[in-house]
Protein backbone atom coordinates (compact mmCIF):
# COMPACT_ATOMS: atom_id res chain seq x y z
CA MET A 1 88.95 132.65 110.41
CA THR A 2 88.61 136.44 110.15
CA ASP A 3 85.39 138.17 109.12
CA ASP A 4 86.98 139.02 105.74
CA GLN A 5 87.88 135.37 105.19
CA GLN A 6 84.37 134.26 106.22
CA GLN A 7 82.81 136.60 103.67
CA ILE A 8 85.10 135.34 100.92
CA GLN A 9 84.38 131.73 101.87
CA ALA A 10 80.61 132.37 101.82
CA ALA A 11 80.90 133.65 98.23
CA ILE A 12 83.06 130.67 97.23
CA ASP A 13 80.57 128.26 98.78
CA GLY A 14 77.72 129.92 96.87
CA GLU A 15 79.64 129.84 93.59
CA LEU A 16 80.44 126.15 93.96
CA ARG A 17 76.83 125.29 94.86
CA LEU A 18 75.60 127.22 91.84
CA LEU A 19 77.87 125.14 89.58
CA ALA A 20 76.26 121.87 90.77
CA PRO A 21 73.87 120.46 88.12
CA ALA A 22 71.21 119.53 90.73
CA VAL A 23 71.15 123.10 92.05
CA ARG A 24 71.17 124.66 88.58
CA ARG A 25 68.18 122.55 87.46
CA ASP A 26 66.11 123.42 90.55
CA ASP A 27 64.61 126.87 90.00
CA ALA A 28 63.97 127.46 93.71
CA GLN A 29 67.56 126.62 94.65
CA SER A 30 69.25 128.42 91.77
CA GLY A 31 66.96 131.43 92.17
CA ALA A 32 67.98 131.73 95.82
CA PHE A 33 71.59 132.31 94.71
CA LEU A 34 70.90 134.95 92.03
CA ASP A 35 70.63 138.61 92.94
CA PRO A 36 67.44 140.23 91.58
CA GLU A 37 69.74 142.61 89.64
CA PHE A 38 71.99 139.78 88.37
CA PHE A 39 73.53 140.06 84.92
CA GLU A 40 76.17 138.18 82.96
CA PHE A 41 78.18 138.80 79.84
CA GLY A 42 78.44 135.41 78.13
CA ALA A 43 81.28 134.22 75.93
CA SER A 44 78.99 134.83 72.94
CA GLY A 45 78.68 138.49 73.89
CA ARG A 46 75.08 138.02 74.99
CA ARG A 47 73.90 139.85 78.09
CA TRP A 48 71.95 137.54 80.40
CA ASP A 49 69.60 138.76 83.11
CA VAL A 50 68.20 136.89 86.09
CA GLU A 51 65.16 135.51 84.23
CA SER A 52 67.03 134.35 81.13
CA MET A 53 69.72 132.77 83.31
CA ARG A 54 67.14 130.90 85.40
CA GLU A 55 65.61 129.54 82.19
CA LEU A 56 69.02 128.46 80.92
CA MET A 57 69.96 126.79 84.20
CA ALA A 58 66.68 124.87 84.28
CA SER A 59 67.85 123.07 81.12
CA THR A 60 71.10 121.85 82.72
CA PRO A 61 71.46 118.09 82.16
CA VAL A 62 71.06 115.97 85.30
CA GLU A 63 74.15 114.02 84.30
CA PRO A 64 76.41 116.38 82.33
CA GLU A 65 78.63 114.82 79.66
CA HIS A 66 81.66 116.42 81.30
CA PRO A 67 81.63 117.36 84.99
CA VAL A 68 82.87 120.86 85.81
CA GLU A 69 86.33 120.97 87.36
CA VAL A 70 87.11 124.19 89.25
CA THR A 71 90.70 125.37 89.78
CA GLU A 72 92.53 128.55 90.75
CA MET A 73 89.64 129.80 92.94
CA ALA A 74 90.56 133.10 94.57
CA GLY A 75 88.52 135.77 96.27
CA VAL A 76 88.98 139.38 97.32
CA LEU A 77 86.76 141.35 99.67
CA LEU A 78 86.07 144.61 97.81
CA ALA A 79 83.98 146.11 100.62
CA PRO A 80 81.95 144.68 103.49
CA GLY A 81 79.36 142.42 101.87
CA LEU A 82 80.95 142.55 98.39
CA VAL A 83 83.30 139.80 97.14
CA HIS A 84 85.02 139.35 93.77
CA LEU A 85 85.89 135.76 92.78
CA THR A 86 88.10 134.56 89.95
CA TYR A 87 88.65 130.96 88.90
CA ARG A 88 88.95 128.59 85.97
CA THR A 89 86.59 125.82 84.90
CA ASP A 90 87.38 122.82 82.74
CA GLU A 91 84.53 120.87 81.11
CA GLY A 92 86.01 118.30 78.76
CA ASP A 93 88.00 120.31 76.20
CA ARG A 94 86.42 123.65 77.19
CA ARG A 95 88.41 125.91 79.52
CA VAL A 96 86.95 129.16 80.78
CA ARG A 97 88.34 131.92 83.00
CA ARG A 98 85.56 133.20 85.22
CA SER A 99 84.88 136.30 87.28
CA SER A 100 81.98 136.74 89.69
CA VAL A 101 80.82 139.44 92.06
CA TRP A 102 78.77 138.37 95.08
CA ARG A 103 76.94 140.72 97.40
CA ARG A 104 75.32 140.09 100.74
CA HIS A 105 71.70 141.06 101.36
CA PRO A 106 70.59 141.57 104.97
CA GLU A 107 67.58 139.24 104.60
CA ALA A 108 68.58 136.94 101.72
CA GLY A 109 72.28 136.32 102.38
CA TRP A 110 74.89 136.01 99.65
CA ARG A 111 73.74 136.37 96.06
CA LEU A 112 75.52 136.37 92.71
CA TYR A 113 75.34 139.89 91.28
CA PHE A 114 77.60 139.63 88.20
CA HIS A 115 79.37 136.90 86.23
CA GLN A 116 81.55 136.73 83.14
CA GLY A 117 83.19 133.74 81.51
CA THR A 118 85.90 133.99 78.87
CA PRO A 119 87.02 130.87 76.97
CA THR A 120 90.78 130.30 77.00
CA LYS A 121 93.30 127.81 75.67
CA GLU A 122 95.58 128.11 78.71
């Protein structure tokens, strides 16, 4: 595996871990994946920051009604230490196209810098 592929895979691994309910509920674990400058534009139009997102994730049900199914995961290395991911999630009847930007910190490793989810009927 090339260095580019390893960087992309590290971002994918982080994204998938962050989708796991047990990780989302655990503030220490979820916080380790979020960049201190993290922000998200939610489907509602709300802008989330790292603190509001950590609060939201802490309320994730232990046993979600519908598990998250991830498809179409793809990544592109934008620059060394900066990866853009796109994918789709399905949770019951809810489908969302997602876009994430991950950046690598020398001491902390890979962290989610930006995320946006857009509901779709596709």
